[in-house]
Amino acid sequence: MIDKKDQVKLSRADVEDAQAYISELWKKLTRKSTKSTSTLISLPNPYIVPSPGNDHFAFEEQYYWDSYFTALGIDDEKLVTGMLENLIHLFEDFGLIPNANRYYFTSRSQPPILTTFIFHVYDKYKKSDSWLLKHMSVAKREYHEVWMSHEHPHDRCVYHGLSRYYDINYLHDLAEAESGWDMTPRFRRQCLDYLPIDLNCLLYKYETDFARAAEIADNDAEARVWQYAAEERQHTVNKLMWHKRNNFYFDFNYHTKDRSTVWSLAAYYAMWSGLASESQAKKLVKNLDKFDKKGGLTTTQGSFMYTNLFGSTKTQWAYPNGWAPLHYIVTEGLENYGYAEEAEMIAKKWLYTCNSWYQYHGEFLEKYNVVNLKLKPTEGLYPSQTGFGWTNGVFSYYVEKYL
């Protein structure tokens, strides 16, 4: 359970400078690439890159799952819709939505969040039902051809109807890159062997979103088909990934038939997607204290033993780091089950962390050390980046919702 003694008091006035910084930064992060150059794939519409770049490293691409979290903080219908259309365009060209619009990223995708992005645009900008159904038809193809395929080059649906992360090169580390959690102790450098809890909750969300779209189209028969698929996945996920004694979801190694022992925020995708029961949600909320720190939620439970995995690979998706998209997943999940007070406390902690770093350093980061706010986050395979697309997006979303 979240410790209420750490409640943060924050007002709109406190974050005015940070909001102005974000507003100016969007312009610096906007790219237009209508002609392919070198390894960069052209896109029909302007898009937001994660960071303006630093330390001889720069992002120039639109990333799949980043796009949704970034869009949460942008109130520009043309830009947001254009970014969604770019993802659709990439799927039509490559048969999957690649990690990002680089030719060397077409061997893998990223966490599937297309239906959520589609409904975000549909609901926020009051798109037509025909628009919704057209875009959902592409998402259904992605669901079937990529995430539910059991044949190379998309050998993802591998065990009892559940899926794994994959890469066409059939390498564990590259499959882990598809998870977005590159790198993390969750998979013990054996990502291809695991059924991840977050991925299968995302696919559960696809199935319930397809059911919702069918209901909007007055197709009750199709809605029932998708609802049944969601219930089947829910049953299997609970059978394989829910640990009754620990009251928590863990990734499942389908080769060894064992659950992982790594506690991570990926479990809270079950609340965000609606897969968890009311009873399970209550138990997940009680376990939040394992991640709750002064500056927000750590990505995994643990200590600095998780900083490096096997003595070499840096695991930035782990303790002591906190990440904007995972905070969003947790707080939205809490809201879904009526834990609004807990959600607000976490959101305000995250706002305080981002705002405090900005006040001292004049920049936002892609991730933060939420255990010691004065220290830099643990770096990953590339230098820590400033900017940062999804940090800006979630920060702006939280300001509007909770301040």
Protein backbone atom coordinates (compact mmCIF):
# COMPACT_ATOMS: atom_id res chain seq x y z
CA MET A 1 0.00 0.00 0.00
CA ILE A 2 1.20 3.53 -0.75
CA ASP A 3 2.53 5.30 2.35
CA LYS A 4 0.38 8.39 2.88
CA LYS A 5 3.02 10.17 4.93
CA ASP A 6 4.91 10.85 1.69
CA GLN A 7 2.07 12.89 0.18
CA VAL A 8 3.26 15.71 -2.05
CA LYS A 9 1.66 19.14 -2.16
CA LEU A 10 1.99 20.75 -5.57
CA SER A 11 0.11 23.48 -7.41
CA ARG A 12 -0.15 24.62 -11.02
CA ALA A 13 2.01 27.62 -10.15
CA ASP A 14 4.80 25.29 -9.02
CA VAL A 15 5.05 23.69 -12.47
CA GLU A 16 4.52 26.73 -14.70
CA ASP A 17 8.20 26.93 -15.69
CA ALA A 18 8.36 23.22 -16.45
CA GLN A 19 5.25 23.45 -18.59
CA ALA A 20 6.74 26.35 -20.54
CA TYR A 21 9.89 24.27 -21.07
CA ILE A 22 7.80 21.38 -22.45
CA SER A 23 5.81 23.69 -24.71
CA GLU A 24 8.99 25.00 -26.31
CA LEU A 25 10.56 21.56 -26.45
CA TRP A 26 7.79 20.08 -28.62
CA LYS A 27 9.02 22.28 -31.48
CA LYS A 28 12.58 20.99 -31.08
CA LEU A 29 11.37 17.39 -31.01
CA THR A 30 9.23 17.62 -34.15
CA ARG A 31 10.63 16.01 -37.29
CA LYS A 32 9.45 15.62 -40.87
CA SER A 33 10.98 12.85 -42.95
CA THR A 34 9.18 12.59 -46.29
CA LYS A 35 12.20 11.10 -48.07
CA SER A 36 14.12 8.03 -46.94
CA THR A 37 17.79 8.78 -46.27
CA SER A 38 20.40 6.19 -45.37
CA THR A 39 18.67 3.94 -42.80
CA LEU A 40 15.82 6.33 -41.97
CA ILE A 41 12.41 5.36 -43.39
CA SER A 42 10.25 8.20 -44.69
CA LEU A 43 6.89 8.89 -43.09
CA PRO A 44 3.91 10.82 -44.50
CA ASN A 45 3.37 13.06 -41.47
CA PRO A 46 5.47 15.05 -38.97
CA TYR A 47 6.23 13.26 -35.71
CA ILE A 48 7.84 13.67 -32.30
CA VAL A 49 11.23 12.10 -31.57
CA PRO A 50 12.03 11.17 -27.97
CA SER A 51 14.95 13.54 -27.44
CA PRO A 52 16.88 16.33 -29.16
CA GLY A 53 19.99 14.25 -28.48
CA ASN A 54 23.17 14.64 -26.47
CA ASP A 55 26.55 12.96 -25.86
CA HIS A 56 27.01 12.04 -29.52
CA PHE A 57 23.70 10.16 -29.51
CA ALA A 58 20.46 11.34 -31.05
CA PHE A 59 16.99 9.98 -31.76
CA GLU A 60 15.64 10.92 -35.18
CA GLU A 61 12.92 8.27 -35.39
CA GLN A 62 9.31 7.87 -34.35
CA TYR A 63 9.07 4.98 -31.90
CA TYR A 64 6.03 2.72 -31.69
CA TRP A 65 5.06 2.65 -28.01
CA ASP A 66 6.67 6.01 -27.22
CA SER A 67 4.20 7.63 -29.58
CA TYR A 68 1.14 6.92 -27.45
CA PHE A 69 2.62 8.14 -24.14
CA THR A 70 4.04 11.20 -25.87
CA ALA A 71 0.66 11.99 -27.45
CA LEU A 72 -0.97 12.10 -24.00
CA GLY A 73 0.55 15.53 -23.47
CA ILE A 74 -0.04 17.01 -26.93
CA ASP A 75 -3.25 18.86 -27.76
CA ASP A 76 -2.68 19.10 -31.50
CA GLU A 77 -5.13 16.95 -33.43
CA LYS A 78 -3.20 17.11 -36.70
CA LEU A 79 0.13 16.12 -35.11
CA VAL A 80 -1.29 13.35 -32.90
CA THR A 81 -3.47 11.88 -35.64
CA GLY A 82 -0.56 12.12 -38.06
CA MET A 83 1.66 10.13 -35.72
CA LEU A 84 -1.00 7.43 -35.52
CA GLU A 85 -1.30 7.41 -39.31
CA ASN A 86 2.48 7.00 -39.54
CA LEU A 87 2.23 3.77 -37.52
CA ILE A 88 -0.55 2.53 -39.81
CA HIS A 89 1.62 3.44 -42.83
CA LEU A 90 4.55 1.46 -41.43
CA PHE A 91 2.36 -1.60 -40.89
CA GLU A 92 1.08 -1.46 -44.46
CA ASP A 93 4.64 -1.26 -45.78
CA PHE A 94 6.37 -3.82 -43.55
CA GLY A 95 3.70 -6.17 -42.22
CA LEU A 96 4.41 -5.04 -38.65
CA ILE A 97 4.87 -1.76 -36.84
CA PRO A 98 8.64 -1.70 -36.41
CA ASN A 99 10.45 -0.61 -33.26
CA ALA A 100 10.93 2.74 -35.10
CA ASN A 101 11.21 4.00 -38.65
CA ARG A 102 14.71 2.67 -39.31
CA TYR A 103 15.37 -0.21 -41.69
CA TYR A 104 17.49 -1.94 -39.03
CA PHE A 105 14.49 -1.82 -36.65
CA THR A 106 12.18 -3.77 -38.98
CA SER A 107 13.26 -7.09 -37.45
CA ARG A 108 11.05 -6.45 -34.42
CA SER A 109 8.17 -4.38 -33.12
CA GLN A 110 7.51 -2.82 -29.70
CA PRO A 111 4.80 -3.35 -27.05
CA PRO A 112 1.50 -3.35 -29.00
CA ILE A 113 -0.52 -0.32 -28.05
CA LEU A 114 -2.19 0.45 -31.38
CA THR A 115 -5.82 -0.08 -30.31
CA THR A 116 -5.32 2.14 -27.26
CA PHE A 117 -3.83 4.87 -29.46
CA ILE A 118 -6.72 4.52 -31.92
CA PHE A 119 -9.33 4.88 -29.19
CA HIS A 120 -7.40 7.83 -27.71
CA VAL A 121 -7.74 9.70 -31.02
CA TYR A 122 -11.32 8.50 -31.58
CA ASP A 123 -12.50 9.62 -28.14
CA LYS A 124 -10.50 12.86 -27.81
CA TYR A 125 -11.10 14.22 -31.30
CA LYS A 126 -14.59 12.81 -31.86
CA LYS A 127 -13.68 10.81 -34.97
CA SER A 128 -16.41 9.06 -36.92
CA ASP A 129 -17.37 5.44 -36.37
CA SER A 130 -16.26 4.67 -39.93
CA TRP A 131 -12.82 6.13 -39.09
CA LEU A 132 -12.66 3.91 -36.01
CA LEU A 133 -13.59 0.72 -37.86
CA LYS A 134 -11.13 1.44 -40.68
CA HIS A 135 -8.26 1.82 -38.23
CA MET A 136 -9.34 -1.14 -36.13
CA SER A 137 -9.22 -3.33 -39.23
CA VAL A 138 -5.46 -2.64 -39.40
CA ALA A 139 -5.08 -3.39 -35.69
CA LYS A 140 -6.84 -6.73 -36.21
CA ARG A 141 -4.33 -7.61 -38.90
CA GLU A 142 -1.47 -6.66 -36.58
CA TYR A 143 -3.03 -8.79 -33.84
CA HIS A 144 -3.43 -11.87 -36.05
CA GLU A 145 -0.40 -11.59 -38.34
CA VAL A 146 2.19 -10.42 -35.81
CA TRP A 147 1.20 -11.07 -32.21
CA MET A 148 -0.87 -14.24 -32.62
CA SER A 149 1.31 -15.81 -35.32
CA HIS A 150 3.20 -19.00 -34.51
CA GLU A 151 5.35 -19.06 -37.61
CA HIS A 152 8.59 -17.32 -38.53
CA PRO A 153 9.09 -14.35 -39.01
CA HIS A 154 6.47 -13.70 -36.33
CA ASP A 155 6.78 -16.73 -34.06
CA ARG A 156 5.21 -15.06 -31.04
CA CYS A 157 2.14 -17.09 -30.03
CA VAL A 158 3.94 -20.08 -28.56
CA TYR A 159 2.16 -21.55 -25.54
CA HIS A 160 -1.51 -22.08 -24.66
CA GLY A 161 -2.58 -19.10 -26.78
CA LEU A 162 -0.20 -16.69 -25.05
CA SER A 163 2.52 -14.69 -26.78
CA ARG A 164 6.13 -13.68 -26.27
CA TYR A 165 8.36 -10.91 -27.53
CA TYR A 166 10.36 -11.82 -30.63
CA ASP A 167 12.87 -10.68 -33.23
CA ILE A 168 13.38 -12.09 -36.69
CA ASN A 169 17.03 -12.83 -35.82
CA TYR A 170 15.87 -15.13 -33.01
CA LEU A 171 18.16 -13.60 -30.41
CA HIS A 172 17.15 -13.19 -26.76
CA ASP A 173 18.56 -9.67 -26.39
CA LEU A 174 16.81 -8.41 -29.52
CA ALA A 175 13.51 -9.92 -28.36
CA GLU A 176 14.08 -8.06 -25.10
CA ALA A 177 14.50 -4.87 -27.13
CA GLU A 178 11.01 -5.52 -28.56
CA SER A 179 9.68 -5.52 -24.99
CA GLY A 180 10.81 -1.90 -24.65
CA TRP A 181 12.50 -2.93 -21.38
CA ASP A 182 16.01 -3.05 -22.80
CA MET A 183 17.55 -4.17 -20.59
CA THR A 184 15.84 -5.66 -17.52
CA PRO A 185 16.39 -8.46 -14.99
CA ARG A 186 12.86 -9.76 -15.75
CA PHE A 187 13.95 -12.22 -18.43
CA ARG A 188 17.43 -13.23 -17.23
CA ARG A 189 18.75 -12.63 -20.77
CA GLN A 190 16.44 -15.42 -22.00
CA CYS A 191 13.56 -13.30 -23.28
CA LEU A 192 12.44 -15.75 -25.98
CA ASP A 193 11.66 -18.30 -23.26
CA TYR A 194 9.23 -16.05 -21.39
CA LEU A 195 5.53 -15.24 -21.70
CA PRO A 196 5.53 -11.64 -20.42
CA ILE A 197 2.66 -10.44 -18.25
CA ASP A 198 2.63 -6.96 -19.83
CA LEU A 199 2.46 -8.25 -23.42
CA ASN A 200 -0.42 -10.59 -22.71
CA CYS A 201 -2.32 -7.86 -20.87
CA LEU A 202 -1.78 -5.62 -23.89
CA LEU A 203 -3.26 -8.33 -26.12
CA TYR A 204 -6.15 -8.75 -23.68
CA LYS A 205 -6.71 -5.00 -24.14
CA TYR A 206 -6.74 -5.49 -27.92
CA GLU A 207 -9.43 -8.13 -27.56
CA THR A 208 -11.63 -5.99 -25.32
CA ASP A 209 -11.05 -2.99 -27.60
CA PHE A 210 -12.12 -5.06 -30.60
CA ALA A 211 -15.24 -6.03 -28.65
CA ARG A 212 -15.95 -2.36 -27.90
CA ALA A 213 -15.50 -1.42 -31.56
CA ALA A 214 -17.87 -4.23 -32.60
CA GLU A 215 -20.48 -2.96 -30.15
CA ILE A 216 -20.13 0.55 -31.60
CA ALA A 217 -20.78 -1.02 -35.02
CA ASP A 218 -23.85 -2.84 -33.59
CA ASN A 219 -22.20 -6.18 -34.35
CA ASP A 220 -23.10 -8.11 -31.22
CA ALA A 221 -21.99 -11.45 -32.64
CA GLU A 222 -18.45 -10.21 -33.30
CA ALA A 223 -18.35 -8.50 -29.90
CA ARG A 224 -19.11 -11.83 -28.23
CA VAL A 225 -16.32 -13.54 -30.16
CA TRP A 226 -13.77 -10.99 -28.96
CA GLN A 227 -15.09 -11.04 -25.42
CA TYR A 228 -14.71 -14.81 -25.36
CA ALA A 229 -11.12 -14.51 -26.64
CA ALA A 230 -10.39 -12.01 -23.86
CA GLU A 231 -11.90 -14.30 -21.21
CA GLU A 232 -9.82 -17.24 -22.48
CA ARG A 233 -6.63 -15.18 -22.27
CA GLN A 234 -7.60 -13.91 -18.83
CA HIS A 235 -8.09 -17.48 -17.61
CA THR A 236 -4.74 -18.66 -18.98
CA VAL A 237 -2.83 -15.64 -17.70
CA ASN A 238 -4.25 -16.16 -14.22
CA LYS A 239 -3.42 -19.86 -14.32
CA LEU A 240 0.19 -19.37 -15.40
CA MET A 241 1.22 -15.95 -14.10
CA TRP A 242 -0.74 -15.25 -10.90
CA HIS A 243 1.20 -16.33 -7.81
CA LYS A 244 -1.42 -17.09 -5.15
CA ARG A 245 0.94 -16.95 -2.22
CA ASN A 246 2.64 -13.71 -3.27
CA ASN A 247 -0.59 -12.19 -4.62
CA PHE A 248 1.20 -10.89 -7.69
CA TYR A 249 1.68 -11.45 -11.42
CA PHE A 250 5.03 -12.69 -12.72
CA ASP A 251 6.38 -13.46 -16.19
CA PHE A 252 6.20 -17.18 -17.04
CA ASN A 253 9.06 -19.24 -18.47
CA TYR A 254 7.22 -21.71 -20.70
CA HIS A 255 10.33 -23.89 -21.14
CA THR A 256 10.95 -24.50 -17.44
CA LYS A 257 7.23 -24.07 -16.55
CA ASP A 258 8.23 -21.69 -13.75
CA ARG A 259 7.25 -18.14 -12.92
CA SER A 260 9.97 -15.53 -12.72
CA THR A 261 11.00 -14.38 -9.27
CA VAL A 262 11.47 -10.75 -10.35
CA TRP A 263 8.85 -8.37 -8.98
CA SER A 264 8.17 -5.64 -11.55
CA LEU A 265 5.65 -2.95 -12.42
CA ALA A 266 4.73 -5.00 -15.50
CA ALA A 267 2.23 -6.76 -13.22
CA TYR A 268 0.11 -3.58 -13.09
CA TYR A 269 -0.73 -3.89 -16.78
CA ALA A 270 -3.33 -6.33 -15.42
CA MET A 271 -5.11 -3.41 -13.75
CA TRP A 272 -4.58 -1.00 -16.64
CA SER A 273 -6.07 -3.48 -19.12
CA GLY A 274 -8.87 -4.63 -16.81
CA LEU A 275 -7.65 -8.24 -16.76
CA ALA A 276 -7.32 -8.43 -12.97
CA SER A 277 -10.34 -9.24 -10.81
CA GLU A 278 -11.41 -6.86 -8.04
CA SER A 279 -9.83 -9.21 -5.49
CA GLN A 280 -6.56 -9.42 -7.42
CA ALA A 281 -6.48 -5.65 -7.85
CA LYS A 282 -6.81 -5.16 -4.10
CA LYS A 283 -3.84 -7.47 -3.53
CA LEU A 284 -1.79 -5.73 -6.22
CA VAL A 285 -2.45 -2.40 -4.52
CA LYS A 286 -1.20 -3.80 -1.21
CA ASN A 287 2.02 -4.84 -2.94
CA LEU A 288 2.73 -1.34 -4.28
CA ASP A 289 4.80 -0.66 -1.16
CA LYS A 290 7.52 -2.86 -2.68
CA PHE A 291 8.06 -0.21 -5.36
CA ASP A 292 6.98 2.99 -3.62
CA LYS A 293 9.86 5.38 -2.97
CA LYS A 294 10.24 9.08 -2.28
CA GLY A 295 10.31 10.00 -5.95
CA GLY A 296 7.76 7.53 -7.28
CA LEU A 297 7.78 3.86 -8.25
CA THR A 298 10.88 1.80 -8.96
CA THR A 299 10.60 -0.35 -12.08
CA THR A 300 11.49 -3.50 -10.16
CA GLN A 301 11.70 -4.36 -6.52
CA GLY A 302 15.26 -4.83 -5.47
CA SER A 303 18.55 -3.25 -4.67
CA PHE A 304 21.57 -2.17 -6.60
CA MET A 305 22.24 -5.81 -7.44
CA TYR A 306 19.89 -5.16 -10.34
CA THR A 307 21.99 -2.32 -11.76
CA ASN A 308 24.04 -4.75 -13.86
CA LEU A 309 22.95 -8.17 -15.03
CA PHE A 310 25.58 -10.88 -15.05
CA GLY A 311 28.23 -8.21 -14.46
CA SER A 312 28.07 -6.60 -17.90
CA THR A 313 24.77 -5.50 -19.37
CA LYS A 314 23.29 -2.40 -17.76
CA THR A 315 19.66 -2.87 -16.77
CA GLN A 316 18.09 0.57 -16.88
CA TRP A 317 14.58 -0.92 -16.61
CA ALA A 318 15.09 -1.85 -12.98
CA TYR A 319 15.66 -0.46 -9.49
CA PRO A 320 16.41 2.40 -8.75
CA ASN A 321 14.97 3.88 -11.97
CA GLY A 322 11.42 5.08 -12.51
CA TRP A 323 9.87 5.59 -15.95
CA ALA A 324 6.99 7.80 -17.12
CA PRO A 325 5.05 5.16 -19.11
CA LEU A 326 5.04 2.73 -16.18
CA HIS A 327 3.80 5.40 -13.79
CA TYR A 328 0.98 6.11 -16.23
CA ILE A 329 0.09 2.42 -16.52
CA VAL A 330 -0.03 2.08 -12.72
CA THR A 331 -2.06 5.22 -12.03
CA GLU A 332 -4.58 4.51 -14.79
CA GLY A 333 -4.90 0.97 -13.48
CA LEU A 334 -5.55 2.26 -9.98
CA GLU A 335 -8.20 4.64 -11.32
CA ASN A 336 -9.89 1.75 -13.17
CA TYR A 337 -10.49 -0.08 -9.87
CA GLY A 338 -11.48 2.89 -7.74
CA TYR A 339 -8.13 3.64 -6.08
CA ALA A 340 -8.16 7.30 -7.08
CA GLU A 341 -6.41 8.54 -3.93
CA GLU A 342 -3.47 6.18 -4.44
CA ALA A 343 -3.27 7.14 -8.11
CA GLU A 344 -3.13 10.84 -7.26
CA MET A 345 -0.40 10.33 -4.66
CA ILE A 346 1.79 8.46 -7.14
CA ALA A 347 1.15 10.99 -9.91
CA LYS A 348 2.08 13.91 -7.66
CA LYS A 349 5.27 12.18 -6.54
CA TRP A 350 6.23 11.77 -10.18
CA LEU A 351 5.38 15.40 -10.94
CA TYR A 352 7.51 16.49 -7.98
CA THR A 353 10.45 14.36 -9.15
CA CYS A 354 10.37 15.68 -12.73
CA ASN A 355 9.78 19.26 -11.60
CA SER A 356 12.54 19.18 -8.97
CA TRP A 357 15.10 17.91 -11.47
CA TYR A 358 14.01 20.63 -13.89
CA GLN A 359 14.36 23.35 -11.25
CA TYR A 360 17.96 22.31 -10.51
CA HIS A 361 19.14 21.22 -13.97
CA GLY A 362 16.83 22.92 -16.48
CA GLU A 363 15.85 19.73 -18.28
CA PHE A 364 13.62 16.69 -18.24
CA LEU A 365 15.01 13.13 -18.41
CA GLU A 366 13.86 9.91 -20.02
CA LYS A 367 13.99 8.20 -16.59
CA TYR A 368 14.76 9.16 -13.00
CA ASN A 369 16.38 7.73 -9.91
CA VAL A 370 13.27 7.67 -7.71
CA VAL A 371 15.16 6.30 -4.68
CA ASN A 372 17.60 9.22 -4.40
CA LEU A 373 16.34 12.25 -6.29
CA LYS A 374 19.73 13.95 -6.23
CA LEU A 375 21.44 11.14 -8.12
CA LYS A 376 21.34 10.52 -11.84
CA PRO A 377 19.40 7.47 -13.04
CA THR A 378 21.26 4.26 -13.80
CA GLU A 379 22.30 4.35 -17.44
CA GLY A 380 21.47 1.70 -19.99
CA LEU A 381 23.09 0.66 -23.26
CA TYR A 382 23.11 4.28 -24.44
CA PRO A 383 23.72 7.55 -22.52
CA SER A 384 20.78 8.88 -20.51
CA GLN A 385 18.77 11.29 -22.64
CA THR A 386 17.19 14.64 -21.93
CA GLY A 387 13.98 15.89 -23.43
CA PHE A 388 12.06 13.61 -23.18
CA GLY A 389 9.02 12.70 -25.29
CA TRP A 390 7.09 10.40 -23.01
CA THR A 391 8.24 12.17 -19.83
CA ASN A 392 6.83 15.41 -21.26
CA GLY A 393 3.62 13.67 -22.31
CA VAL A 394 2.87 11.98 -18.99
CA PHE A 395 3.92 15.06 -17.00
CA SER A 396 1.49 17.25 -18.98
CA TYR A 397 -1.26 14.64 -18.65
CA TYR A 398 -0.76 14.48 -14.87
CA VAL A 399 -0.79 18.27 -14.54
CA GLU A 400 -4.16 18.44 -16.29
CA LYS A 401 -5.63 15.54 -14.34
CA TYR A 402 -4.26 15.97 -10.83
CA LEU A 403 -3.35 19.65 -10.31
